[in-house]
N, C-alpha and C. Protein backbone atom coordinates (compact mmCIF):
# COMPACT_ATOMS: atom_id res chain seq x y z
N MET A 1 84.84 128.04 138.03
CA MET A 1 83.64 128.17 137.22
C MET A 1 83.00 129.53 137.47
N LYS A 2 82.95 129.91 138.73
CA LYS A 2 82.31 131.17 139.09
C LYS A 2 83.09 132.36 138.54
N HIS A 3 84.40 132.35 138.75
CA HIS A 3 85.23 133.47 138.34
C HIS A 3 85.21 133.69 136.83
N HIS A 4 85.21 132.60 136.07
CA HIS A 4 85.23 132.70 134.61
C HIS A 4 83.86 132.48 133.98
N GLN A 5 82.84 132.37 134.82
CA GLN A 5 81.47 132.19 134.37
C GLN A 5 81.36 131.01 133.38
N LEU A 6 81.87 129.87 133.85
CA LEU A 6 81.84 128.66 133.04
C LEU A 6 80.77 127.71 133.57
N SER A 7 80.22 126.95 132.66
CA SER A 7 79.32 125.89 133.09
C SER A 7 80.17 124.74 133.62
N HIS A 8 79.52 123.80 134.29
CA HIS A 8 80.21 122.62 134.79
C HIS A 8 80.86 121.86 133.63
N GLU A 9 80.14 121.73 132.54
CA GLU A 9 80.65 121.01 131.37
C GLU A 9 81.85 121.72 130.77
N GLN A 10 81.81 123.06 130.69
CA GLN A 10 82.94 123.81 130.15
C GLN A 10 84.18 123.65 131.03
N ALA A 11 83.99 123.68 132.34
CA ALA A 11 85.11 123.50 133.26
C ALA A 11 85.72 122.11 133.11
N GLU A 12 84.88 121.11 133.01
CA GLU A 12 85.38 119.74 132.80
C GLU A 12 86.17 119.64 131.50
N GLU A 13 85.68 120.27 130.45
CA GLU A 13 86.36 120.22 129.15
C GLU A 13 87.75 120.88 129.24
N ILE A 14 87.85 121.97 129.96
CA ILE A 14 89.14 122.65 130.12
C ILE A 14 90.12 121.75 130.86
N ILE A 15 89.67 121.11 131.93
CA ILE A 15 90.55 120.21 132.68
C ILE A 15 91.00 119.06 131.79
N PHE A 16 90.07 118.45 131.09
CA PHE A 16 90.39 117.33 130.20
C PHE A 16 91.37 117.78 129.12
N ASN A 17 91.08 118.91 128.49
CA ASN A 17 91.92 119.39 127.38
C ASN A 17 93.31 119.79 127.84
N SER A 18 93.45 120.23 129.08
CA SER A 18 94.78 120.61 129.56
C SER A 18 95.73 119.42 129.52
N VAL A 19 95.23 118.25 129.84
CA VAL A 19 96.05 117.02 129.77
C VAL A 19 96.35 116.70 128.31
N LYS A 20 95.35 116.75 127.47
CA LYS A 20 95.52 116.40 126.06
C LYS A 20 96.50 117.35 125.36
N ILE A 21 96.44 118.65 125.67
CA ILE A 21 97.37 119.61 125.08
C ILE A 21 98.80 119.28 125.48
N ALA A 22 99.01 119.01 126.75
CA ALA A 22 100.36 118.65 127.22
C ALA A 22 100.85 117.38 126.53
N GLN A 23 99.98 116.39 126.40
CA GLN A 23 100.37 115.14 125.72
C GLN A 23 100.71 115.38 124.25
N ASN A 24 99.95 116.25 123.60
CA ASN A 24 100.20 116.55 122.19
C ASN A 24 101.55 117.23 121.99
N VAL A 25 101.88 118.16 122.87
CA VAL A 25 103.17 118.85 122.77
C VAL A 25 104.31 117.85 122.96
N ILE A 26 104.17 116.98 123.94
CA ILE A 26 105.20 115.96 124.17
C ILE A 26 105.36 115.09 122.93
N ASP A 27 104.24 114.67 122.34
CA ASP A 27 104.30 113.84 121.14
C ASP A 27 104.96 114.58 119.97
N GLU A 28 104.55 115.84 119.77
CA GLU A 28 105.10 116.63 118.66
C GLU A 28 106.61 116.86 118.81
N GLU A 29 107.04 117.10 120.03
CA GLU A 29 108.45 117.39 120.29
C GLU A 29 109.28 116.13 120.53
N ARG A 30 108.57 115.00 120.59
CA ARG A 30 109.24 113.73 120.89
C ARG A 30 110.05 113.84 122.18
N ALA A 31 109.48 114.52 123.12
CA ALA A 31 110.14 114.76 124.40
C ALA A 31 110.00 113.55 125.32
N GLN A 32 110.96 113.39 126.18
CA GLN A 32 110.93 112.31 127.18
C GLN A 32 110.34 112.90 128.46
N CYS A 33 109.04 113.08 128.46
CA CYS A 33 108.35 113.73 129.59
C CYS A 33 107.13 112.91 130.00
N SER A 34 106.63 113.27 131.15
CA SER A 34 105.38 112.70 131.65
C SER A 34 104.40 113.84 131.90
N VAL A 35 103.13 113.49 131.93
CA VAL A 35 102.09 114.47 132.23
C VAL A 35 101.43 114.07 133.54
N ALA A 36 101.43 115.00 134.48
CA ALA A 36 100.75 114.77 135.76
C ALA A 36 99.48 115.60 135.80
N GLY A 37 98.39 114.97 136.17
CA GLY A 37 97.16 115.69 136.45
C GLY A 37 97.16 116.04 137.93
N SER A 38 97.08 117.31 138.25
CA SER A 38 97.23 117.76 139.64
C SER A 38 95.88 117.97 140.31
N ILE A 39 95.77 117.43 141.52
CA ILE A 39 94.57 117.63 142.34
C ILE A 39 95.03 118.11 143.71
N GLY A 40 94.57 119.27 144.09
CA GLY A 40 94.93 119.85 145.38
C GLY A 40 93.96 119.46 146.48
N PRO A 41 94.18 119.97 147.68
CA PRO A 41 93.34 119.62 148.81
C PRO A 41 91.97 120.31 148.78
N TYR A 42 91.04 119.71 149.46
CA TYR A 42 89.69 120.28 149.60
C TYR A 42 89.75 121.72 150.12
N GLY A 43 90.63 121.97 151.05
CA GLY A 43 90.71 123.29 151.68
C GLY A 43 91.00 124.42 150.73
N ALA A 44 91.63 124.15 149.59
CA ALA A 44 91.91 125.21 148.61
C ALA A 44 90.61 125.82 148.09
N MET A 45 89.58 125.02 147.99
CA MET A 45 88.28 125.51 147.52
C MET A 45 87.64 126.47 148.52
N LEU A 46 88.00 126.34 149.78
CA LEU A 46 87.38 127.17 150.81
C LEU A 46 87.90 128.61 150.79
N CYS A 47 89.07 128.83 150.18
CA CYS A 47 89.65 130.17 150.05
C CYS A 47 89.86 130.86 151.41
N ASP A 48 90.25 130.07 152.41
CA ASP A 48 90.45 130.65 153.74
C ASP A 48 91.81 130.28 154.33
N GLY A 49 92.68 129.73 153.50
CA GLY A 49 94.00 129.34 153.95
C GLY A 49 94.06 127.98 154.62
N SER A 50 92.94 127.31 154.76
CA SER A 50 92.93 126.04 155.49
C SER A 50 93.58 124.90 154.71
N GLU A 51 93.88 125.11 153.43
CA GLU A 51 94.61 124.08 152.70
C GLU A 51 96.03 123.91 153.25
N PHE A 52 96.49 124.88 154.03
CA PHE A 52 97.82 124.81 154.62
C PHE A 52 97.84 124.14 155.99
N ASN A 53 96.70 124.14 156.67
CA ASN A 53 96.69 123.61 158.03
C ASN A 53 95.68 122.49 158.25
N GLY A 54 94.78 122.26 157.32
CA GLY A 54 93.82 121.16 157.43
C GLY A 54 92.75 121.36 158.48
N TRP A 55 92.50 122.59 158.90
CA TRP A 55 91.51 122.83 159.95
C TRP A 55 90.11 122.34 159.58
N TYR A 56 89.84 122.18 158.33
CA TYR A 56 88.52 121.75 157.87
C TYR A 56 88.27 120.26 158.07
N THR A 57 89.29 119.49 158.34
CA THR A 57 89.13 118.03 158.34
C THR A 57 88.19 117.51 159.41
N ASP A 58 88.07 118.22 160.52
CA ASP A 58 87.17 117.75 161.58
C ASP A 58 85.71 117.76 161.13
N SER A 59 85.38 118.63 160.19
CA SER A 59 83.99 118.72 159.73
C SER A 59 83.71 117.81 158.53
N MET A 60 84.72 117.05 158.12
CA MET A 60 84.58 116.18 156.95
C MET A 60 84.73 114.72 157.36
N THR A 61 84.06 113.85 156.62
CA THR A 61 84.27 112.41 156.77
C THR A 61 85.10 111.93 155.58
N ILE A 62 85.61 110.74 155.68
CA ILE A 62 86.33 110.17 154.55
C ILE A 62 85.41 110.07 153.34
N GLU A 63 84.17 109.69 153.55
CA GLU A 63 83.22 109.60 152.43
C GLU A 63 82.97 110.96 151.79
N LYS A 64 82.86 112.02 152.60
CA LYS A 64 82.66 113.37 152.04
C LYS A 64 83.88 113.79 151.22
N PHE A 65 85.07 113.48 151.72
CA PHE A 65 86.28 113.78 150.94
C PHE A 65 86.26 113.04 149.61
N LYS A 66 85.93 111.77 149.66
CA LYS A 66 85.89 110.97 148.44
C LYS A 66 84.87 111.54 147.46
N ASP A 67 83.69 111.91 147.95
CA ASP A 67 82.65 112.47 147.09
C ASP A 67 83.11 113.78 146.44
N TRP A 68 83.85 114.57 147.20
CA TRP A 68 84.31 115.86 146.67
C TRP A 68 85.41 115.68 145.63
N HIS A 69 86.35 114.79 145.89
CA HIS A 69 87.48 114.59 144.97
C HIS A 69 87.14 113.73 143.76
N ARG A 70 86.14 112.88 143.85
CA ARG A 70 85.82 111.91 142.79
C ARG A 70 85.61 112.56 141.42
N PRO A 71 84.84 113.64 141.29
CA PRO A 71 84.63 114.21 139.95
C PRO A 71 85.92 114.69 139.29
N ARG A 72 86.79 115.34 140.04
CA ARG A 72 88.05 115.81 139.46
C ARG A 72 88.94 114.64 139.05
N LEU A 73 89.00 113.63 139.91
CA LEU A 73 89.80 112.46 139.58
C LEU A 73 89.24 111.75 138.35
N ALA A 74 87.93 111.67 138.25
CA ALA A 74 87.31 111.00 137.10
C ALA A 74 87.63 111.72 135.79
N ILE A 75 87.58 113.03 135.79
CA ILE A 75 87.91 113.80 134.58
C ILE A 75 89.36 113.56 134.17
N LEU A 76 90.24 113.68 135.14
CA LEU A 76 91.66 113.50 134.84
C LEU A 76 91.96 112.05 134.43
N ALA A 77 91.36 111.10 135.08
CA ALA A 77 91.57 109.69 134.72
C ALA A 77 91.13 109.44 133.29
N ARG A 78 90.03 110.04 132.90
CA ARG A 78 89.52 109.89 131.53
C ARG A 78 90.49 110.47 130.51
N ALA A 79 91.21 111.53 130.89
CA ALA A 79 92.18 112.16 129.99
C ALA A 79 93.49 111.37 129.90
N GLU A 80 93.68 110.44 130.81
CA GLU A 80 94.83 109.53 130.82
C GLU A 80 96.19 110.21 130.92
N PRO A 81 96.41 111.03 131.96
CA PRO A 81 97.76 111.52 132.18
C PRO A 81 98.66 110.36 132.62
N THR A 82 99.96 110.61 132.66
CA THR A 82 100.88 109.56 133.09
C THR A 82 100.57 109.15 134.52
N PHE A 83 100.27 110.12 135.35
CA PHE A 83 99.89 109.87 136.74
C PHE A 83 99.14 111.07 137.28
N ILE A 84 98.54 110.89 138.44
CA ILE A 84 97.85 111.95 139.17
C ILE A 84 98.75 112.38 140.33
N ALA A 85 98.87 113.67 140.50
CA ALA A 85 99.63 114.22 141.62
C ALA A 85 98.65 114.85 142.61
N PHE A 86 98.40 114.16 143.71
CA PHE A 86 97.61 114.74 144.80
C PHE A 86 98.61 115.56 145.60
N GLU A 87 98.47 116.88 145.54
CA GLU A 87 99.54 117.73 146.05
C GLU A 87 99.17 118.52 147.30
N THR A 88 100.12 118.57 148.16
CA THR A 88 100.08 119.35 149.41
C THR A 88 98.83 119.08 150.23
N ILE A 89 98.56 117.83 150.47
CA ILE A 89 97.42 117.42 151.28
C ILE A 89 97.80 117.62 152.75
N PRO A 90 97.00 118.38 153.52
CA PRO A 90 97.41 118.75 154.87
C PRO A 90 96.95 117.84 155.99
N SER A 91 96.25 116.75 155.66
CA SER A 91 95.76 115.91 156.75
C SER A 91 95.78 114.44 156.40
N LYS A 92 95.97 113.65 157.40
CA LYS A 92 95.96 112.19 157.24
C LYS A 92 94.60 111.71 156.76
N LYS A 93 93.53 112.29 157.29
CA LYS A 93 92.18 111.85 156.92
C LYS A 93 91.92 112.06 155.43
N GLU A 94 92.30 113.22 154.90
CA GLU A 94 92.09 113.47 153.48
C GLU A 94 92.97 112.54 152.64
N ALA A 95 94.19 112.28 153.09
CA ALA A 95 95.08 111.35 152.39
C ALA A 95 94.48 109.94 152.38
N GLU A 96 93.92 109.51 153.49
CA GLU A 96 93.27 108.20 153.54
C GLU A 96 92.11 108.12 152.56
N ALA A 97 91.34 109.20 152.48
CA ALA A 97 90.21 109.23 151.54
C ALA A 97 90.71 109.12 150.10
N LEU A 98 91.78 109.81 149.78
CA LEU A 98 92.32 109.75 148.43
C LEU A 98 92.85 108.36 148.10
N ALA A 99 93.52 107.74 149.06
CA ALA A 99 94.01 106.37 148.85
C ALA A 99 92.85 105.41 148.60
N GLU A 100 91.78 105.56 149.37
CA GLU A 100 90.59 104.71 149.15
C GLU A 100 89.96 105.00 147.79
N LEU A 101 89.88 106.28 147.44
CA LEU A 101 89.26 106.67 146.17
C LEU A 101 90.03 106.09 144.98
N LEU A 102 91.32 106.01 145.09
CA LEU A 102 92.13 105.45 144.00
C LEU A 102 91.75 104.01 143.69
N ARG A 103 91.21 103.29 144.64
CA ARG A 103 90.78 101.91 144.39
C ARG A 103 89.67 101.85 143.34
N GLU A 104 88.93 102.96 143.20
CA GLU A 104 87.87 103.02 142.18
C GLU A 104 88.44 103.25 140.79
N PHE A 105 89.72 103.59 140.71
CA PHE A 105 90.38 103.90 139.45
C PHE A 105 91.65 103.04 139.35
N PRO A 106 91.50 101.73 139.16
CA PRO A 106 92.64 100.81 139.27
C PRO A 106 93.75 101.03 138.24
N ASN A 107 93.47 101.71 137.15
CA ASN A 107 94.49 101.93 136.13
C ASN A 107 95.24 103.25 136.30
N VAL A 108 94.91 103.99 137.35
CA VAL A 108 95.53 105.29 137.58
C VAL A 108 96.72 105.14 138.51
N LYS A 109 97.84 105.69 138.09
CA LYS A 109 99.01 105.78 138.95
C LYS A 109 98.99 107.16 139.59
N ALA A 110 99.45 107.22 140.85
CA ALA A 110 99.37 108.51 141.55
C ALA A 110 100.47 108.63 142.59
N TRP A 111 100.71 109.86 142.98
CA TRP A 111 101.54 110.14 144.14
C TRP A 111 100.76 111.08 145.02
N LEU A 112 101.15 111.15 146.24
CA LEU A 112 100.50 112.03 147.21
C LEU A 112 101.59 112.73 148.00
N SER A 113 101.55 114.06 147.99
CA SER A 113 102.51 114.82 148.78
C SER A 113 101.75 115.53 149.90
N PHE A 114 102.44 115.72 151.00
CA PHE A 114 101.83 116.31 152.18
C PHE A 114 102.35 117.72 152.42
N ASN A 115 101.50 118.52 153.01
CA ASN A 115 101.89 119.80 153.58
C ASN A 115 101.76 119.60 155.07
N CYS A 116 102.85 119.57 155.78
CA CYS A 116 102.77 119.28 157.22
C CYS A 116 103.57 120.29 158.03
N GLN A 117 103.16 120.39 159.27
CA GLN A 117 103.80 121.33 160.19
C GLN A 117 104.79 120.59 161.06
């Protein structure tokens, strides 16, 4: 939002539309494909490389992780991709938070991949 000087609403619309555009192309081409909505780790937002090592997890609680990830998951869930890809999560605590958060979205299918040392 900051880099492109977007409002919160504009950023949400872009995320939502990215799923819809992919779904439309698949429909038009009659392709046998799926659409994944991707959500990365909290640490990527910090811009300090900690998304690779999870050093930030000690300062976070499971509830804080859930609160941070919930808006992105809600936008993507509303767009109805085939599934959500929680990608390169570097810590067990953040993974646990994501698993708990998914309970709030019972119709969402997801996978979770880890970045581990």
